[in-house]
Amino acid sequence: MLAPKKVTLQRTIALIMSFILVASDLFLLFYVKNHGITTLNIGNWRAPFGITIVADMLAALLVVTTSFVLTCVIIYSFYTIGKAREKFLYYPSVLFLIVGVNGSFLTGDIFNLFVFFEVMLMASYVLLVIGGTKIQLKATIKYLLINVVGSAFFVVAIGILYSMIGTLNMADISRKINALHGVDTGMISVAAVMFLFVFGLKAGLFPLYFWLPGSYFAPPMPVLALFGALLTKVGVYAIIRTYSLFFAKETTFAMPLLGVLALITIILGVIGVISYYDLKTIVIYNILIAIGVILFSVSIMTREAMTGAVYYLIHDMIIKSALFLIIGVIMAITGTSTVKKFSGLMTVKPTLGWSFFIAILAIAGIPPLSGFFGKLLMVEGAFSTGEMFGGIVILLSSLFVLMSLIKVFTRGFWGEKTGKFNLAIPYKKMMLPVIILLTCSVLYGIFSNAIYPFISDAVDPIIDPNLYINAVIKE
């Protein structure tokens, strides 16, 4: 921030910090694996009186994935974002965004979660508007208004919970809600629905997704990759964390409501992906499908369903960022994101074509790629609890996702070469982060057995909140 016009210096600092973040997050991941849930009491105030940072395996996996995506997006930004945007605090805004994202994953305090949400949102406002095009300004006004309303409801929801429980520490809230269970379930259900409204707005859950397609269409591709891979996932994580800790026993209203809204989100996402020929719009609607699939499994809250949900959550962060970066390369070459305006791209850039094809197979859940194992476990979890309709919807959504993207692939990459192709772009440099992300996605699927112990450790505190509570509140 102190040297906004020195682009080379900003690039260097941003890249070095992203590498340091990857290394420190990997260290944290293996530290949690070897030592269990790790906590840090800020200012040395013991939980539940102070602010506690909590790294369980779920949070550790998500911050590792976040830092990895960040590094690839920063490298990609060097060649695509443009110096005009780089001189207006692009890199500091990206790093502030990651502060908010990782802080949201690691906080053990519900009000601190609100604070990190706001840090993330303030950075996202800058990234959304930077460049000042008309479409960006329109999208930013809508995005800003929606999130101001969401933030206000978040504070109200925290206030309602605090008035009942008298604490802000998430582990302490969980412990006291369990002690209250059966006494004041009506107000707890109200709090559950309010938190679902707030986090569903961030995640893009029906009927709160209406802002997402328009707002996410506006920013440049590196920013869209960060938004699509990370921002909606923070909302999903917040639902997983609060619902497993606070509202897991509210099975009469809150959990069934989450399941119904998740299924409607999947269906509307499917309608979106099969209705468009614009690459950006199709993948944005794919975000909605993934959100619905994961949150439907959260509403079931069995070990099998949650294992699939966590596995798929990490897969989706990696593959969505890869897909958006691929679309950025396609747009740089063709000048458009609409496949009706070009064809025969495979004859010019076969590596790009096959990269897109691998990403399609991964996002559709074709074995042995990373999307398969998560979806398999989620479908098995749905069927094992008698949720046959939900399991079938998840299976059919994979089919429609595959159809929508294969339609784009055959039309844009195969056939006779049409449209104007700009081959003067730094193609190999732009493809480097894409190849890294796709390789990670392929390895994540092939070596799923090696990753399973980490996923299992992440699911343990979700299924048994006492593990989380006892790690945070040491008595």
Protein backbone atom coordinates (compact mmCIF):
# COMPACT_ATOMS: atom_id res chain seq x y z
CA MET A 1 0.00 0.00 0.00
CA LEU A 2 2.94 2.36 0.65
CA ALA A 3 4.22 2.02 -2.93
CA PRO A 4 1.10 1.85 -5.10
CA LYS A 5 2.81 2.86 -8.38
CA LYS A 6 5.76 0.43 -8.07
CA VAL A 7 4.14 -2.54 -9.76
CA THR A 8 7.23 -4.78 -9.82
CA LEU A 9 7.76 -4.33 -6.08
CA GLN A 10 4.08 -5.08 -5.40
CA ARG A 11 4.21 -8.22 -7.54
CA THR A 12 7.36 -9.44 -5.78
CA ILE A 13 5.99 -8.86 -2.28
CA ALA A 14 2.63 -10.47 -3.13
CA LEU A 15 4.28 -13.58 -4.62
CA ILE A 16 6.76 -13.97 -1.74
CA MET A 17 3.96 -13.59 0.82
CA SER A 18 1.83 -16.18 -1.00
CA PHE A 19 4.73 -18.67 -0.92
CA ILE A 20 5.28 -17.99 2.80
CA LEU A 21 1.55 -18.49 3.38
CA VAL A 22 1.57 -21.85 1.56
CA ALA A 23 4.56 -23.02 3.62
CA SER A 24 3.12 -21.86 6.96
CA ASP A 25 -0.31 -23.34 6.21
CA LEU A 26 1.24 -26.70 5.26
CA PHE A 27 3.18 -26.60 8.53
CA LEU A 28 -0.10 -25.88 10.37
CA LEU A 29 -1.82 -28.76 8.56
CA PHE A 30 0.74 -31.34 9.67
CA TYR A 31 0.99 -29.80 13.13
CA VAL A 32 -2.78 -30.28 13.59
CA LYS A 33 -2.50 -33.80 12.17
CA ASN A 34 0.16 -34.72 14.75
CA HIS A 35 -1.05 -32.72 17.77
CA GLY A 36 -4.82 -32.48 17.30
CA ILE A 37 -6.95 -29.33 17.38
CA THR A 38 -4.69 -26.35 18.10
CA THR A 39 -5.79 -23.09 19.74
CA LEU A 40 -4.32 -19.66 20.31
CA ASN A 41 -5.81 -17.30 22.90
CA ILE A 42 -5.29 -13.71 21.75
CA GLY A 43 -3.91 -11.49 24.52
CA ASN A 44 -3.56 -14.61 26.70
CA TRP A 45 -7.20 -14.38 27.80
CA ARG A 46 -8.41 -17.93 28.37
CA ALA A 47 -11.43 -19.20 26.47
CA PRO A 48 -14.29 -18.40 26.64
CA PHE A 49 -13.42 -14.88 27.90
CA GLY A 50 -11.07 -13.78 25.13
CA ILE A 51 -10.83 -14.22 21.36
CA THR A 52 -9.62 -17.68 20.43
CA ILE A 53 -8.13 -18.76 17.10
CA VAL A 54 -8.88 -22.45 16.48
CA ALA A 55 -7.16 -24.65 13.92
CA ASP A 56 -8.93 -27.97 13.57
CA MET A 57 -8.31 -30.15 10.51
CA LEU A 58 -11.21 -28.66 8.53
CA ALA A 59 -9.90 -25.10 8.98
CA ALA A 60 -6.32 -26.22 8.26
CA LEU A 61 -7.30 -27.95 5.00
CA LEU A 62 -9.26 -24.90 3.86
CA VAL A 63 -6.47 -22.40 4.58
CA VAL A 64 -3.96 -24.61 2.73
CA THR A 65 -6.29 -24.73 -0.28
CA THR A 66 -6.89 -20.97 -0.06
CA SER A 67 -3.18 -20.13 -0.01
CA PHE A 68 -2.54 -22.50 -2.92
CA VAL A 69 -5.28 -20.91 -5.02
CA LEU A 70 -3.98 -17.45 -4.05
CA THR A 71 -0.47 -18.23 -5.31
CA CYS A 72 -1.75 -19.48 -8.68
CA VAL A 73 -4.05 -16.45 -9.10
CA ILE A 74 -1.23 -13.99 -8.27
CA ILE A 75 1.04 -15.59 -10.90
CA TYR A 76 -1.83 -15.46 -13.41
CA SER A 77 -2.50 -11.81 -12.54
CA PHE A 78 0.99 -10.76 -13.62
CA TYR A 79 0.04 -11.38 -17.25
CA THR A 80 -3.67 -10.60 -17.32
CA ILE A 81 -4.85 -7.99 -14.81
CA GLY A 82 -3.12 -5.00 -16.44
CA LYS A 83 -0.91 -2.28 -14.95
CA ALA A 84 -3.81 0.17 -14.72
CA ARG A 85 -5.44 -2.06 -12.10
CA GLU A 86 -2.13 -3.03 -10.47
CA LYS A 87 -1.42 0.64 -9.71
CA PHE A 88 -4.69 0.97 -7.80
CA LEU A 89 -3.90 -1.37 -4.89
CA TYR A 90 -4.84 -4.63 -6.62
CA TYR A 91 -2.30 -6.79 -4.76
CA PRO A 92 -2.92 -5.31 -1.28
CA SER A 93 -6.66 -5.84 -1.84
CA VAL A 94 -6.09 -9.49 -2.81
CA LEU A 95 -3.99 -10.05 0.31
CA PHE A 96 -6.57 -8.31 2.53
CA LEU A 97 -9.20 -10.59 0.99
CA ILE A 98 -7.16 -13.62 2.05
CA VAL A 99 -6.83 -12.19 5.58
CA GLY A 100 -10.63 -12.18 5.76
CA VAL A 101 -11.02 -15.64 4.22
CA ASN A 102 -8.40 -17.37 6.36
CA GLY A 103 -9.51 -15.47 9.46
CA SER A 104 -13.08 -16.68 8.90
CA PHE A 105 -11.84 -20.27 8.67
CA LEU A 106 -9.69 -20.04 11.80
CA THR A 107 -11.67 -17.94 14.26
CA GLY A 108 -13.31 -19.58 17.25
CA ASP A 109 -15.40 -16.51 18.15
CA ILE A 110 -18.72 -15.77 16.44
CA PHE A 111 -18.33 -11.96 16.58
CA ASN A 112 -14.78 -12.27 15.28
CA LEU A 113 -16.26 -14.23 12.38
CA PHE A 114 -18.34 -11.13 11.60
CA VAL A 115 -15.19 -8.98 11.75
CA PHE A 116 -13.31 -11.23 9.32
CA PHE A 117 -16.36 -11.32 7.04
CA GLU A 118 -16.22 -7.52 6.92
CA VAL A 119 -12.47 -7.49 6.16
CA MET A 120 -13.14 -9.94 3.32
CA LEU A 121 -16.08 -7.91 2.02
CA MET A 122 -14.23 -4.57 2.09
CA ALA A 123 -11.42 -6.07 0.02
CA SER A 124 -13.95 -7.66 -2.35
CA TYR A 125 -15.63 -4.28 -2.93
CA VAL A 126 -12.30 -2.83 -4.08
CA LEU A 127 -11.53 -5.84 -6.31
CA LEU A 128 -15.01 -5.75 -7.82
CA VAL A 129 -14.88 -2.06 -8.74
CA ILE A 130 -11.18 -1.75 -9.65
CA GLY A 131 -10.93 -0.75 -13.29
CA GLY A 132 -14.09 1.33 -13.16
CA THR A 133 -15.98 -0.13 -16.13
CA LYS A 134 -19.74 0.47 -16.27
CA ILE A 135 -20.64 -3.21 -15.77
CA GLN A 136 -18.33 -3.36 -12.72
CA LEU A 137 -19.84 -0.26 -11.13
CA LYS A 138 -23.40 -1.58 -11.58
CA ALA A 139 -22.43 -4.98 -10.15
CA THR A 140 -20.59 -3.39 -7.21
CA ILE A 141 -23.59 -1.27 -6.17
CA LYS A 142 -25.81 -4.38 -6.12
CA TYR A 143 -23.16 -6.45 -4.31
CA LEU A 144 -22.55 -3.66 -1.76
CA LEU A 145 -26.24 -3.18 -0.93
CA ILE A 146 -26.88 -6.91 -0.56
CA ASN A 147 -23.89 -7.41 1.74
CA VAL A 148 -24.68 -4.36 3.89
CA VAL A 149 -28.11 -5.90 4.54
CA GLY A 150 -26.48 -9.28 5.20
CA SER A 151 -24.00 -7.75 7.66
CA ALA A 152 -26.80 -6.00 9.55
CA PHE A 153 -28.69 -9.29 9.90
CA PHE A 154 -25.46 -10.98 11.01
CA VAL A 155 -25.09 -8.55 13.91
CA VAL A 156 -28.77 -9.04 14.84
CA ALA A 157 -28.38 -12.84 14.73
CA ILE A 158 -25.31 -12.64 17.00
CA GLY A 159 -27.23 -10.33 19.33
CA ILE A 160 -30.15 -12.77 19.60
CA LEU A 161 -27.76 -15.64 20.34
CA TYR A 162 -25.83 -13.59 22.88
CA SER A 163 -29.03 -12.53 24.65
CA MET A 164 -29.92 -16.21 25.15
CA ILE A 165 -26.48 -17.69 25.81
CA GLY A 166 -24.33 -14.86 27.19
CA THR A 167 -21.11 -15.76 25.36
CA LEU A 168 -19.51 -15.28 21.93
CA ASN A 169 -17.00 -18.15 22.01
CA MET A 170 -18.31 -20.78 19.57
CA ALA A 171 -17.30 -23.75 21.70
CA ASP A 172 -18.93 -22.17 24.78
CA ILE A 173 -22.09 -21.35 22.76
CA SER A 174 -22.29 -25.01 21.69
CA ARG A 175 -21.90 -26.22 25.26
CA LYS A 176 -24.57 -23.87 26.63
CA ILE A 177 -27.05 -24.52 23.80
CA ASN A 178 -26.79 -28.25 24.50
CA ALA A 179 -27.57 -27.53 28.15
CA LEU A 180 -30.57 -25.42 27.07
CA HIS A 181 -31.93 -27.98 24.62
CA GLY A 182 -35.62 -28.59 25.17
CA VAL A 183 -36.03 -25.42 27.23
CA ASP A 184 -36.02 -22.63 24.64
CA THR A 185 -35.94 -24.39 21.28
CA GLY A 186 -38.20 -21.82 19.60
CA MET A 187 -35.70 -18.95 19.87
CA ILE A 188 -32.83 -21.27 18.98
CA SER A 189 -34.69 -22.16 15.77
CA VAL A 190 -35.13 -18.43 15.07
CA ALA A 191 -31.38 -17.91 15.52
CA ALA A 192 -30.68 -20.92 13.27
CA VAL A 193 -32.83 -19.49 10.46
CA MET A 194 -31.21 -16.04 10.83
CA PHE A 195 -27.72 -17.51 10.58
CA LEU A 196 -28.88 -19.53 7.57
CA PHE A 197 -30.11 -16.29 5.96
CA VAL A 198 -26.80 -14.51 6.60
CA PHE A 199 -24.49 -17.32 5.51
CA GLY A 200 -26.84 -18.45 2.71
CA LEU A 201 -26.62 -14.92 1.30
CA LYS A 202 -22.82 -15.18 1.27
CA ALA A 203 -22.84 -18.73 -0.14
CA GLY A 204 -25.48 -18.14 -2.83
CA LEU A 205 -28.18 -20.43 -1.43
CA PHE A 206 -31.74 -20.21 -2.82
CA PRO A 207 -33.54 -17.78 -2.67
CA LEU A 208 -30.58 -15.55 -1.77
CA TYR A 209 -28.45 -16.27 -4.84
CA PHE A 210 -30.09 -13.62 -7.07
CA TRP A 211 -27.14 -11.20 -6.76
CA LEU A 212 -24.47 -13.75 -7.64
CA PRO A 213 -24.64 -14.32 -11.45
CA GLY A 214 -24.66 -10.58 -12.26
CA SER A 215 -22.05 -9.54 -9.67
CA TYR A 216 -19.63 -12.36 -10.47
CA PHE A 217 -19.89 -11.74 -14.23
CA ALA A 218 -18.41 -8.22 -13.93
CA PRO A 219 -14.84 -8.46 -12.52
CA PRO A 220 -11.71 -9.53 -14.46
CA MET A 221 -10.90 -13.25 -14.50
CA PRO A 222 -8.25 -13.41 -11.72
CA VAL A 223 -10.70 -11.67 -9.36
CA LEU A 224 -13.54 -13.92 -10.52
CA ALA A 225 -11.34 -16.98 -9.86
CA LEU A 226 -10.77 -15.80 -6.27
CA PHE A 227 -14.45 -14.99 -5.76
CA GLY A 228 -15.73 -18.23 -7.29
CA ALA A 229 -13.21 -20.42 -5.49
CA LEU A 230 -13.17 -18.76 -2.06
CA LEU A 231 -15.92 -16.26 -1.16
CA THR A 232 -18.95 -18.53 -1.50
CA LYS A 233 -17.00 -21.28 0.30
CA VAL A 234 -16.62 -19.05 3.36
CA GLY A 235 -20.42 -18.95 3.56
CA VAL A 236 -20.55 -22.75 3.22
CA TYR A 237 -17.89 -23.18 5.91
CA ALA A 238 -19.78 -20.85 8.27
CA ILE A 239 -22.95 -22.93 7.81
CA ILE A 240 -21.01 -26.16 8.46
CA ARG A 241 -19.35 -24.73 11.57
CA THR A 242 -22.39 -23.08 13.15
CA TYR A 243 -24.85 -25.82 12.28
CA SER A 244 -22.60 -28.61 13.57
CA LEU A 245 -21.79 -26.73 16.78
CA PHE A 246 -25.00 -24.82 17.53
CA PHE A 247 -27.95 -26.28 15.64
CA ALA A 248 -27.23 -29.97 14.95
CA LYS A 249 -30.14 -30.96 17.23
CA GLU A 250 -32.63 -28.59 15.56
CA THR A 251 -33.85 -31.35 13.25
CA THR A 252 -37.52 -30.30 13.34
CA PHE A 253 -37.15 -27.13 11.28
CA ALA A 254 -33.68 -25.69 10.58
CA MET A 255 -31.98 -28.79 9.15
CA PRO A 256 -34.89 -29.83 6.87
CA LEU A 257 -35.15 -26.21 5.66
CA LEU A 258 -31.44 -26.25 4.75
CA GLY A 259 -31.92 -29.51 2.83
CA VAL A 260 -34.91 -28.21 0.84
CA LEU A 261 -33.20 -24.90 -0.04
CA ALA A 262 -30.05 -26.78 -1.09
CA LEU A 263 -32.00 -29.01 -3.49
CA ILE A 264 -33.79 -26.01 -5.03
CA THR A 265 -30.38 -24.32 -5.45
CA ILE A 266 -29.09 -27.39 -7.34
CA ILE A 267 -32.15 -27.44 -9.64
CA LEU A 268 -31.93 -23.70 -10.43
CA GLY A 269 -28.18 -24.02 -11.02
CA VAL A 270 -28.83 -26.85 -13.49
CA ILE A 271 -31.41 -24.71 -15.35
CA GLY A 272 -28.78 -21.96 -15.54
CA VAL A 273 -25.97 -24.14 -16.93
CA ILE A 274 -28.10 -25.67 -19.69
CA SER A 275 -29.63 -22.32 -20.70
CA TYR A 276 -26.49 -20.36 -21.63
CA TYR A 277 -23.66 -20.46 -24.16
CA ASP A 278 -21.50 -17.99 -22.25
CA LEU A 279 -18.56 -19.71 -20.53
CA LYS A 280 -18.44 -17.35 -17.54
CA THR A 281 -22.17 -17.63 -16.90
CA ILE A 282 -22.15 -21.43 -17.15
CA VAL A 283 -19.36 -21.78 -14.58
CA ILE A 284 -21.00 -19.18 -12.29
CA TYR A 285 -24.16 -21.31 -12.27
CA ASN A 286 -21.94 -24.33 -11.61
CA ILE A 287 -20.94 -22.56 -8.38
CA LEU A 288 -24.61 -22.67 -7.32
CA ILE A 289 -24.85 -26.39 -8.09
CA ALA A 290 -21.76 -27.14 -5.99
CA ILE A 291 -23.08 -25.01 -3.09
CA GLY A 292 -26.40 -26.88 -3.19
CA VAL A 293 -24.74 -30.31 -3.33
CA ILE A 294 -22.46 -29.59 -0.37
CA LEU A 295 -25.17 -27.99 1.79
CA PHE A 296 -27.63 -30.82 1.12
CA SER A 297 -25.05 -33.20 2.60
CA VAL A 298 -24.61 -30.82 5.55
CA SER A 299 -28.38 -31.03 6.19
CA ILE A 300 -28.05 -34.83 6.48
CA MET A 301 -25.09 -34.47 8.89
CA THR A 302 -24.01 -38.14 8.87
CA ARG A 303 -20.32 -39.07 8.85
CA GLU A 304 -20.47 -40.41 5.29
CA ALA A 305 -22.31 -37.36 3.92
CA MET A 306 -20.01 -34.91 5.72
CA THR A 307 -16.88 -36.75 4.56
CA GLY A 308 -18.13 -36.38 1.00
CA ALA A 309 -19.05 -32.72 1.60
CA VAL A 310 -15.59 -31.78 2.97
CA TYR A 311 -13.84 -33.74 0.23
CA TYR A 312 -15.97 -32.04 -2.44
CA LEU A 313 -15.59 -28.59 -0.86
CA ILE A 314 -11.79 -28.68 -1.28
CA HIS A 315 -12.11 -30.16 -4.80
CA ASP A 316 -14.49 -27.37 -5.80
CA MET A 317 -12.16 -24.62 -4.58
CA ILE A 318 -9.34 -26.00 -6.74
CA ILE A 319 -11.32 -26.84 -9.89
CA LYS A 320 -13.41 -23.65 -9.95
CA SER A 321 -10.29 -21.49 -9.82
CA ALA A 322 -8.72 -23.60 -12.60
CA LEU A 323 -11.84 -23.32 -14.78
CA PHE A 324 -12.08 -19.54 -14.41
CA LEU A 325 -8.39 -19.15 -15.28
CA ILE A 326 -8.88 -21.37 -18.36
CA ILE A 327 -11.83 -19.20 -19.42
CA GLY A 328 -9.57 -16.16 -18.97
CA VAL A 329 -7.06 -17.67 -21.43
CA ILE A 330 -9.87 -18.46 -23.90
CA MET A 331 -11.17 -14.88 -23.63
CA ALA A 332 -7.66 -13.45 -24.14
CA ILE A 333 -7.31 -15.45 -27.38
CA THR A 334 -10.84 -15.08 -28.79
CA GLY A 335 -11.90 -11.74 -27.27
CA THR A 336 -15.20 -13.22 -26.07
CA SER A 337 -16.64 -15.69 -23.55
CA THR A 338 -19.57 -16.69 -25.82
CA VAL A 339 -18.86 -19.91 -27.72
CA LYS A 340 -21.27 -18.95 -30.48
CA LYS A 341 -18.65 -16.44 -31.69
CA PHE A 342 -15.71 -18.84 -32.22
CA SER A 343 -14.88 -22.47 -33.01
CA GLY A 344 -11.87 -24.61 -33.91
CA LEU A 345 -9.76 -23.38 -30.98
CA MET A 346 -8.29 -26.89 -30.63
CA THR A 347 -6.40 -26.45 -33.92
CA VAL A 348 -4.64 -23.38 -32.53
CA LYS A 349 -4.10 -24.26 -28.84
CA PRO A 350 -4.55 -28.02 -28.23
CA THR A 351 -3.07 -27.81 -24.69
CA LEU A 352 -5.78 -25.33 -23.74
CA GLY A 353 -8.45 -27.63 -25.21
CA TRP A 354 -7.33 -30.71 -23.33
CA SER A 355 -6.90 -28.71 -20.10
CA PHE A 356 -10.50 -27.54 -20.44
CA PHE A 357 -11.62 -31.12 -21.13
CA ILE A 358 -9.87 -32.45 -17.98
CA ALA A 359 -11.47 -29.66 -15.94
CA ILE A 360 -14.90 -30.61 -17.36
CA LEU A 361 -14.44 -34.25 -16.34
CA ALA A 362 -13.27 -33.23 -12.84
CA ILE A 363 -16.18 -30.83 -12.21
CA ALA A 364 -18.69 -33.43 -13.46
CA GLY A 365 -17.30 -36.06 -11.07
CA ILE A 366 -15.87 -38.54 -13.59
CA PRO A 367 -13.55 -41.11 -11.90
CA PRO A 368 -10.72 -41.08 -10.96
CA LEU A 369 -10.66 -37.27 -10.90
CA SER A 370 -11.17 -35.27 -7.71
CA GLY A 371 -14.91 -34.62 -8.08
CA PHE A 372 -15.82 -38.32 -8.14
CA PHE A 373 -15.05 -39.46 -4.60
CA GLY A 374 -16.76 -36.56 -2.85
CA LYS A 375 -19.94 -36.97 -4.91
CA LEU A 376 -19.92 -40.75 -4.42
CA LEU A 377 -19.80 -40.37 -0.64
CA MET A 378 -22.47 -37.65 -0.64
CA VAL A 379 -24.83 -39.77 -2.78
CA GLU A 380 -24.20 -42.82 -0.57
CA GLY A 381 -24.86 -40.66 2.50
CA ALA A 382 -28.16 -39.48 1.01
CA PHE A 383 -29.29 -43.00 0.05
CA SER A 384 -28.27 -44.49 3.41
CA THR A 385 -30.54 -42.03 5.27
CA GLY A 386 -33.49 -42.58 2.93
CA GLU A 387 -33.03 -39.26 1.10
CA MET A 388 -33.50 -40.94 -2.28
CA PHE A 389 -34.75 -37.82 -4.05
CA GLY A 390 -31.77 -35.75 -2.91
CA GLY A 391 -29.29 -38.44 -3.98
CA ILE A 392 -30.91 -38.69 -7.42
CA VAL A 393 -30.84 -34.88 -7.83
CA ILE A 394 -27.10 -34.86 -7.06
CA LEU A 395 -26.48 -37.63 -9.64
CA LEU A 396 -28.56 -35.90 -12.30
CA SER A 397 -26.86 -32.56 -11.62
CA SER A 398 -23.52 -34.18 -12.54
CA LEU A 399 -25.01 -35.33 -15.83
CA PHE A 400 -26.33 -31.86 -16.68
CA VAL A 401 -23.03 -30.22 -15.70
CA LEU A 402 -21.21 -32.58 -18.06
CA MET A 403 -23.72 -31.89 -20.85
CA SER A 404 -23.49 -28.11 -20.46
CA LEU A 405 -19.70 -28.02 -20.62
CA ILE A 406 -19.31 -30.70 -23.32
CA LYS A 407 -21.71 -28.58 -25.42
CA VAL A 408 -19.31 -25.67 -25.00
CA PHE A 409 -16.25 -27.85 -25.63
CA THR A 410 -17.52 -29.37 -28.89
CA ARG A 411 -18.79 -26.05 -30.21
CA GLY A 412 -15.83 -23.88 -29.27
CA PHE A 413 -12.84 -26.19 -29.61
CA TRP A 414 -13.80 -28.56 -32.45
CA GLY A 415 -15.00 -27.90 -35.98
CA GLU A 416 -13.87 -25.40 -38.54
CA LYS A 417 -11.80 -22.48 -37.30
CA THR A 418 -13.97 -19.35 -37.06
CA GLY A 419 -13.58 -16.05 -35.21
CA LYS A 420 -10.56 -13.82 -34.64
CA PHE A 421 -7.76 -15.35 -32.55
CA ASN A 422 -5.16 -13.21 -30.82
CA LEU A 423 -2.04 -15.38 -30.53
CA ALA A 424 0.22 -12.57 -29.26
CA ILE A 425 -0.73 -13.18 -25.59
CA PRO A 426 1.84 -14.64 -23.09
CA TYR A 427 0.15 -18.03 -23.50
CA LYS A 428 2.67 -20.31 -21.75
CA LYS A 429 2.97 -18.01 -18.75
CA MET A 430 -0.83 -17.79 -18.42
CA MET A 431 -1.16 -21.57 -18.67
CA LEU A 432 1.39 -22.28 -15.91
CA PRO A 433 -1.00 -21.68 -12.94
CA VAL A 434 -3.77 -23.51 -14.86
CA ILE A 435 -1.58 -26.61 -15.28
CA ILE A 436 -0.55 -26.45 -11.59
CA LEU A 437 -4.19 -26.34 -10.42
CA LEU A 438 -5.28 -29.11 -12.81
CA THR A 439 -2.36 -31.31 -11.73
CA CYS A 440 -3.36 -30.75 -8.11
CA SER A 441 -6.96 -31.70 -8.95
CA VAL A 442 -5.89 -34.92 -10.72
CA LEU A 443 -3.52 -35.89 -7.88
CA TYR A 444 -6.24 -35.10 -5.31
CA GLY A 445 -8.43 -37.71 -7.01
CA ILE A 446 -5.75 -40.35 -7.68
CA PHE A 447 -4.31 -40.18 -4.16
CA SER A 448 -7.66 -39.94 -2.38
CA ASN A 449 -6.67 -42.80 -0.04
CA ALA A 450 -3.66 -40.82 1.20
CA ILE A 451 -5.83 -37.73 1.76
CA TYR A 452 -8.69 -39.62 3.43
CA PRO A 453 -7.12 -39.60 6.97
CA PHE A 454 -6.98 -35.79 6.82
CA ILE A 455 -10.59 -35.58 5.66
CA SER A 456 -11.65 -38.02 8.38
CA ASP A 457 -9.94 -35.87 11.03
CA ALA A 458 -11.75 -32.82 9.63
CA VAL A 459 -15.14 -34.55 9.94
CA ASP A 460 -14.60 -35.79 13.53
CA PRO A 461 -15.36 -32.44 15.29
CA ILE A 462 -18.34 -31.86 12.96
CA ILE A 463 -19.95 -35.16 13.93
CA ASP A 464 -18.83 -34.97 17.57
CA PRO A 465 -18.69 -31.27 18.64
CA ASN A 466 -17.33 -32.27 22.06
CA LEU A 467 -13.92 -32.77 20.42
CA TYR A 468 -13.96 -29.11 19.36
CA ILE A 469 -15.38 -27.88 22.69
CA ASN A 470 -12.84 -29.76 24.82
CA ALA A 471 -9.93 -28.56 22.68
CA VAL A 472 -10.98 -24.91 23.00
CA ILE A 473 -12.21 -24.77 26.61
CA LYS A 474 -9.53 -26.49 28.68
CA GLU A 475 -10.85 -27.09 32.17
